[in-house]
Amino acid sequence: MVARRHRAGTGAQGQRSSARGLPPGAHWKERVAMAQWWSDHLDALRDGATVLPFRAGER
């Protein structure tokens, strides 16, 4: 077994935890709205989409 050193407060790339992403509260409302939109989009795909009529041979 190979022993690995781990420095507290660092991420997988050796960066400080605060440098890896946004703070938990940053842009929270936008993140919630985007997650809701994505959930609604997936529900629509699951339930079936509106099929637009087309005529064969027309361009």
PDB file of N, CA and C in Angstrom:
ATOM      1  N   MET A   1       0.846  -1.177   0.000  1.00  0.00           N
ATOM      2  CA  MET A   1       0.000   0.000   0.000  1.00  0.00           C
ATOM      3  C   MET A   1       0.887   1.234   0.000  1.00  0.00           C
ATOM      4  N   VAL A   2       0.501   2.208  -0.816  1.00  0.00           N
ATOM      5  CA  VAL A   2       1.252   3.445  -0.904  1.00  0.00           C
ATOM      6  C   VAL A   2       0.572   4.495  -0.044  1.00  0.00           C
ATOM      7  N   ALA A   3       1.330   5.092   0.840  1.00  0.00           N
ATOM      8  CA  ALA A   3       0.785   6.142   1.699  1.00  0.00           C
ATOM      9  C   ALA A   3       0.764   7.453   0.928  1.00  0.00           C
ATOM     10  N   ARG A   4      -0.334   8.160   1.033  1.00  0.00           N
ATOM     11  CA  ARG A   4      -0.446   9.457   0.372  1.00  0.00           C
ATOM     12  C   ARG A   4      -0.621  10.536   1.417  1.00  0.00           C
ATOM     13  N   ARG A   5       0.032  11.638   1.194  1.00  0.00           N
ATOM     14  CA  ARG A   5      -0.112  12.761   2.107  1.00  0.00           C
ATOM     15  C   ARG A   5      -1.326  13.584   1.703  1.00  0.00           C
ATOM     16  N   HIS A   6      -2.063  14.012   2.689  1.00  0.00           N
ATOM     17  CA  HIS A   6      -3.245  14.828   2.440  1.00  0.00           C
ATOM     18  C   HIS A   6      -3.128  16.101   3.255  1.00  0.00           C
ATOM     19  N   ARG A   7      -3.225  17.230   2.554  1.00  0.00           N
ATOM     20  CA  ARG A   7      -3.205  18.508   3.264  1.00  0.00           C
ATOM     21  C   ARG A   7      -4.643  18.934   3.499  1.00  0.00           C
ATOM     22  N   ALA A   8      -4.968  19.258   4.709  1.00  0.00           N
ATOM     23  CA  ALA A   8      -6.321  19.699   5.043  1.00  0.00           C
ATOM     24  C   ALA A   8      -6.646  20.985   4.300  1.00  0.00           C
ATOM     25  N   GLY A   9      -7.861  21.060   3.783  1.00  0.00           N
ATOM     26  CA  GLY A   9      -8.311  22.271   3.126  1.00  0.00           C
ATOM     27  C   GLY A   9      -7.957  22.351   1.657  1.00  0.00           C
ATOM     28  N   THR A  10      -7.465  21.267   1.069  1.00  0.00           N
ATOM     29  CA  THR A  10      -7.136  21.307  -0.351  1.00  0.00           C
ATOM     30  C   THR A  10      -8.022  20.345  -1.112  1.00  0.00           C
ATOM     31  N   GLY A  11      -8.233  20.626  -2.380  1.00  0.00           N
ATOM     32  CA  GLY A  11      -9.052  19.773  -3.228  1.00  0.00           C
ATOM     33  C   GLY A  11      -8.201  18.774  -3.981  1.00  0.00           C
ATOM     34  N   ALA A  12      -8.817  18.099  -4.928  1.00  0.00           N
ATOM     35  CA  ALA A  12      -8.147  17.055  -5.691  1.00  0.00           C
ATOM     36  C   ALA A  12      -6.970  17.592  -6.497  1.00  0.00           C
ATOM     37  N   GLN A  13      -7.036  18.839  -6.918  1.00  0.00           N
ATOM     38  CA  GLN A  13      -5.970  19.419  -7.731  1.00  0.00           C
ATOM     39  C   GLN A  13      -4.968  20.201  -6.887  1.00  0.00           C
ATOM     40  N   GLY A  14      -5.051  20.088  -5.579  1.00  0.00           N
ATOM     41  CA  GLY A  14      -4.141  20.806  -4.707  1.00  0.00           C
ATOM     42  C   GLY A  14      -4.534  22.258  -4.480  1.00  0.00           C
ATOM     43  N   GLN A  15      -5.697  22.646  -4.939  1.00  0.00           N
ATOM     44  CA  GLN A  15      -6.169  24.014  -4.748  1.00  0.00           C
ATOM     45  C   GLN A  15      -6.885  24.127  -3.416  1.00  0.00           C
ATOM     46  N   ARG A  16      -6.933  25.323  -2.903  1.00  0.00           N
ATOM     47  CA  ARG A  16      -7.701  25.554  -1.684  1.00  0.00           C
ATOM     48  C   ARG A  16      -9.171  25.315  -1.977  1.00  0.00           C
ATOM     49  N   SER A  17      -9.911  24.870  -1.003  1.00  0.00           N
ATOM     50  CA  SER A  17     -11.327  24.569  -1.175  1.00  0.00           C
ATOM     51  C   SER A  17     -12.105  25.756  -1.735  1.00  0.00           C
ATOM     52  N   SER A  18     -11.786  26.963  -1.282  1.00  0.00           N
ATOM     53  CA  SER A  18     -12.515  28.137  -1.722  1.00  0.00           C
ATOM     54  C   SER A  18     -12.244  28.470  -3.188  1.00  0.00           C
ATOM     55  N   ALA A  19     -11.175  27.967  -3.776  1.00  0.00           N
ATOM     56  CA  ALA A  19     -10.836  28.269  -5.167  1.00  0.00           C
ATOM     57  C   ALA A  19     -11.468  27.281  -6.142  1.00  0.00           C
ATOM     58  N   ARG A  20     -12.092  26.225  -5.650  1.00  0.00           N
ATOM     59  CA  ARG A  20     -12.631  25.184  -6.531  1.00  0.00           C
ATOM     60  C   ARG A  20     -13.994  25.521  -7.109  1.00  0.00           C
ATOM     61  N   GLY A  21     -14.708  26.462  -6.554  1.00  0.00           N
ATOM     62  CA  GLY A  21     -16.042  26.761  -7.063  1.00  0.00           C
ATOM     63  C   GLY A  21     -16.640  27.949  -6.355  1.00  0.00           C
ATOM     64  N   LEU A  22     -17.904  28.146  -6.621  1.00  0.00           N
ATOM     65  CA  LEU A  22     -18.605  29.260  -5.995  1.00  0.00           C
ATOM     66  C   LEU A  22     -18.922  28.950  -4.539  1.00  0.00           C
ATOM     67  N   PRO A  23     -18.983  29.969  -3.712  1.00  0.00           N
ATOM     68  CA  PRO A  23     -19.461  29.749  -2.345  1.00  0.00           C
ATOM     69  C   PRO A  23     -20.897  29.228  -2.407  1.00  0.00           C
ATOM     70  N   PRO A  24     -21.327  28.452  -1.428  1.00  0.00           N
ATOM     71  CA  PRO A  24     -22.658  27.830  -1.481  1.00  0.00           C
ATOM     72  C   PRO A  24     -23.803  28.802  -1.710  1.00  0.00           C
ATOM     73  N   GLY A  25     -23.728  30.025  -1.212  1.00  0.00           N
ATOM     74  CA  GLY A  25     -24.833  30.959  -1.347  1.00  0.00           C
ATOM     75  C   GLY A  25     -24.795  31.831  -2.595  1.00  0.00           C
ATOM     76  N   ALA A  26     -23.688  31.796  -3.331  1.00  0.00           N
ATOM     77  CA  ALA A  26     -23.552  32.669  -4.498  1.00  0.00           C
ATOM     78  C   ALA A  26     -24.512  32.251  -5.602  1.00  0.00           C
ATOM     79  N   HIS A  27     -25.308  33.195  -6.078  1.00  0.00           N
ATOM     80  CA  HIS A  27     -26.243  32.965  -7.179  1.00  0.00           C
ATOM     81  C   HIS A  27     -27.236  31.844  -6.877  1.00  0.00           C
ATOM     82  N   TRP A  28     -27.610  31.694  -5.622  1.00  0.00           N
ATOM     83  CA  TRP A  28     -28.476  30.574  -5.220  1.00  0.00           C
ATOM     84  C   TRP A  28     -29.815  30.587  -5.954  1.00  0.00           C
ATOM     85  N   LYS A  29     -30.464  31.746  -6.048  1.00  0.00           N
ATOM     86  CA  LYS A  29     -31.779  31.815  -6.693  1.00  0.00           C
ATOM     87  C   LYS A  29     -31.691  31.409  -8.160  1.00  0.00           C
ATOM     88  N   GLU A  30     -30.622  31.845  -8.843  1.00  0.00           N
ATOM     89  CA  GLU A  30     -30.450  31.479 -10.241  1.00  0.00           C
ATOM     90  C   GLU A  30     -30.218  29.976 -10.394  1.00  0.00           C
ATOM     91  N   ARG A  31     -29.456  29.399  -9.475  1.00  0.00           N
ATOM     92  CA  ARG A  31     -29.176  27.963  -9.533  1.00  0.00           C
ATOM     93  C   ARG A  31     -30.440  27.147  -9.304  1.00  0.00           C
ATOM     94  N   VAL A  32     -31.284  27.595  -8.378  1.00  0.00           N
ATOM     95  CA  VAL A  32     -32.552  26.907  -8.108  1.00  0.00           C
ATOM     96  C   VAL A  32     -33.467  27.006  -9.324  1.00  0.00           C
ATOM     97  N   ALA A  33     -33.543  28.196  -9.928  1.00  0.00           N
ATOM     98  CA  ALA A  33     -34.393  28.384 -11.109  1.00  0.00           C
ATOM     99  C   ALA A  33     -33.909  27.514 -12.268  1.00  0.00           C
ATOM    100  N   MET A  34     -32.606  27.416 -12.459  1.00  0.00           N
ATOM    101  CA  MET A  34     -32.071  26.594 -13.539  1.00  0.00           C
ATOM    102  C   MET A  34     -32.350  25.112 -13.284  1.00  0.00           C
ATOM    103  N   ALA A  35     -32.223  24.668 -12.049  1.00  0.00           N
ATOM    104  CA  ALA A  35     -32.516  23.275 -11.714  1.00  0.00           C
ATOM    105  C   ALA A  35     -33.993  22.965 -11.947  1.00  0.00           C
ATOM    106  N   GLN A  36     -34.879  23.906 -11.628  1.00  0.00           N
ATOM    107  CA  GLN A  36     -36.309  23.706 -11.863  1.00  0.00           C
ATOM    108  C   GLN A  36     -36.607  23.644 -13.354  1.00  0.00           C
ATOM    109  N   TRP A  37     -35.979  24.542 -14.130  1.00  0.00           N
ATOM    110  CA  TRP A  37     -36.180  24.528 -15.583  1.00  0.00           C
ATOM    111  C   TRP A  37     -35.733  23.187 -16.162  1.00  0.00           C
ATOM    112  N   TRP A  38     -34.572  22.702 -15.731  1.00  0.00           N
ATOM    113  CA  TRP A  38     -34.044  21.432 -16.241  1.00  0.00           C
ATOM    114  C   TRP A  38     -34.971  20.280 -15.870  1.00  0.00           C
ATOM    115  N   SER A  39     -35.500  20.288 -14.652  1.00  0.00           N
ATOM    116  CA  SER A  39     -36.428  19.250 -14.217  1.00  0.00           C
ATOM    117  C   SER A  39     -37.699  19.263 -15.071  1.00  0.00           C
ATOM    118  N   ASP A  40     -38.229  20.470 -15.328  1.00  0.00           N
ATOM    119  CA  ASP A  40     -39.418  20.585 -16.166  1.00  0.00           C
ATOM    120  C   ASP A  40     -39.134  20.116 -17.589  1.00  0.00           C
ATOM    121  N   HIS A  41     -37.959  20.433 -18.104  1.00  0.00           N
ATOM    122  CA  HIS A  41     -37.570  20.013 -19.449  1.00  0.00           C
ATOM    123  C   HIS A  41     -37.497  18.482 -19.539  1.00  0.00           C
ATOM    124  N   LEU A  42     -36.890  17.847 -18.556  1.00  0.00           N
ATOM    125  CA  LEU A  42     -36.801  16.387 -18.548  1.00  0.00           C
ATOM    126  C   LEU A  42     -38.181  15.744 -18.432  1.00  0.00           C
ATOM    127  N   ASP A  43     -39.060  16.350 -17.625  1.00  0.00           N
ATOM    128  CA  ASP A  43     -40.436  15.847 -17.520  1.00  0.00           C
ATOM    129  C   ASP A  43     -41.139  15.916 -18.870  1.00  0.00           C
ATOM    130  N   ALA A  44     -40.952  17.014 -19.593  1.00  0.00           N
ATOM    131  CA  ALA A  44     -41.577  17.170 -20.905  1.00  0.00           C
ATOM    132  C   ALA A  44     -41.051  16.124 -21.888  1.00  0.00           C
ATOM    133  N   LEU A  45     -39.756  15.847 -21.836  1.00  0.00           N
ATOM    134  CA  LEU A  45     -39.187  14.826 -22.707  1.00  0.00           C
ATOM    135  C   LEU A  45     -39.740  13.443 -22.364  1.00  0.00           C
ATOM    136  N   ARG A  46     -39.885  13.171 -21.086  1.00  0.00           N
ATOM    137  CA  ARG A  46     -40.402  11.882 -20.649  1.00  0.00           C
ATOM    138  C   ARG A  46     -41.853  11.700 -21.082  1.00  0.00           C
ATOM    139  N   ASP A  47     -42.642  12.764 -20.949  1.00  0.00           N
ATOM    140  CA  ASP A  47     -44.067  12.683 -21.240  1.00  0.00           C
ATOM    141  C   ASP A  47     -44.387  12.766 -22.727  1.00  0.00           C
ATOM    142  N   GLY A  48     -43.430  13.147 -23.511  1.00  0.00           N
ATOM    143  CA  GLY A  48     -43.645  13.287 -24.948  1.00  0.00           C
ATOM    144  C   GLY A  48     -43.721  14.747 -25.331  1.00  0.00           C
ATOM    145  N   ALA A  49     -43.244  15.040 -26.496  1.00  0.00           N
ATOM    146  CA  ALA A  49     -43.195  16.420 -26.952  1.00  0.00           C
ATOM    147  C   ALA A  49     -44.291  16.684 -27.972  1.00  0.00           C
ATOM    148  N   THR A  50     -44.527  17.943 -28.247  1.00  0.00           N
ATOM    149  CA  THR A  50     -45.473  18.338 -29.279  1.00  0.00           C
ATOM    150  C   THR A  50     -44.837  18.055 -30.636  1.00  0.00           C
ATOM    151  N   VAL A  51     -45.546  17.337 -31.482  1.00  0.00           N
ATOM    152  CA  VAL A  51     -45.030  16.999 -32.804  1.00  0.00           C
ATOM    153  C   VAL A  51     -45.575  17.994 -33.803  1.00  0.00           C
ATOM    154  N   LEU A  52     -44.690  18.652 -34.520  1.00  0.00           N
ATOM    155  CA  LEU A  52     -45.096  19.623 -35.520  1.00  0.00           C
ATOM    156  C   LEU A  52     -45.425  18.916 -36.833  1.00  0.00           C
ATOM    157  N   PRO A  53     -46.533  19.277 -37.460  1.00  0.00           N
ATOM    158  CA  PRO A  53     -46.876  18.644 -38.726  1.00  0.00           C
ATOM    159  C   PRO A  53     -45.942  19.116 -39.850  1.00  0.00           C
ATOM    160  N   PHE A  54     -45.673  18.237 -40.799  1.00  0.00           N
ATOM    161  CA  PHE A  54     -44.881  18.615 -41.958  1.00  0.00           C
ATOM    162  C   PHE A  54     -45.403  17.845 -43.149  1.00  0.00           C
ATOM    163  N   ARG A  55     -45.113  18.343 -44.308  1.00  0.00           N
ATOM    164  CA  ARG A  55     -45.540  17.696 -45.542  1.00  0.00           C
ATOM    165  C   ARG A  55     -44.330  17.070 -46.197  1.00  0.00           C
ATOM    166  N   ALA A  56     -44.450  15.816 -46.554  1.00  0.00           N
ATOM    167  CA  ALA A  56     -43.336  15.106 -47.193  1.00  0.00           C
ATOM    168  C   ALA A  56     -43.014  15.747 -48.538  1.00  0.00           C
ATOM    169  N   GLY A  57     -41.758  15.890 -48.828  1.00  0.00           N
ATOM    170  CA  GLY A  57     -41.318  16.407 -50.110  1.00  0.00           C
ATOM    171  C   GLY A  57     -41.155  17.914 -50.170  1.00  0.00           C
ATOM    172  N   GLU A  58     -41.621  18.674 -49.203  1.00  0.00           N
ATOM    173  CA  GLU A  58     -41.456  20.119 -49.217  1.00  0.00           C
ATOM    174  C   GLU A  58     -40.163  20.495 -48.516  1.00  0.00           C
ATOM    175  N   ARG A  59     -39.587  21.548 -49.009  1.00  0.00           N
ATOM    176  CA  ARG A  59     -38.352  22.064 -48.362  1.00  0.00           C
ATOM    177  C   ARG A  59     -38.480  23.499 -48.086  1.00  0.00           C
TER     178      ARG A  59
END
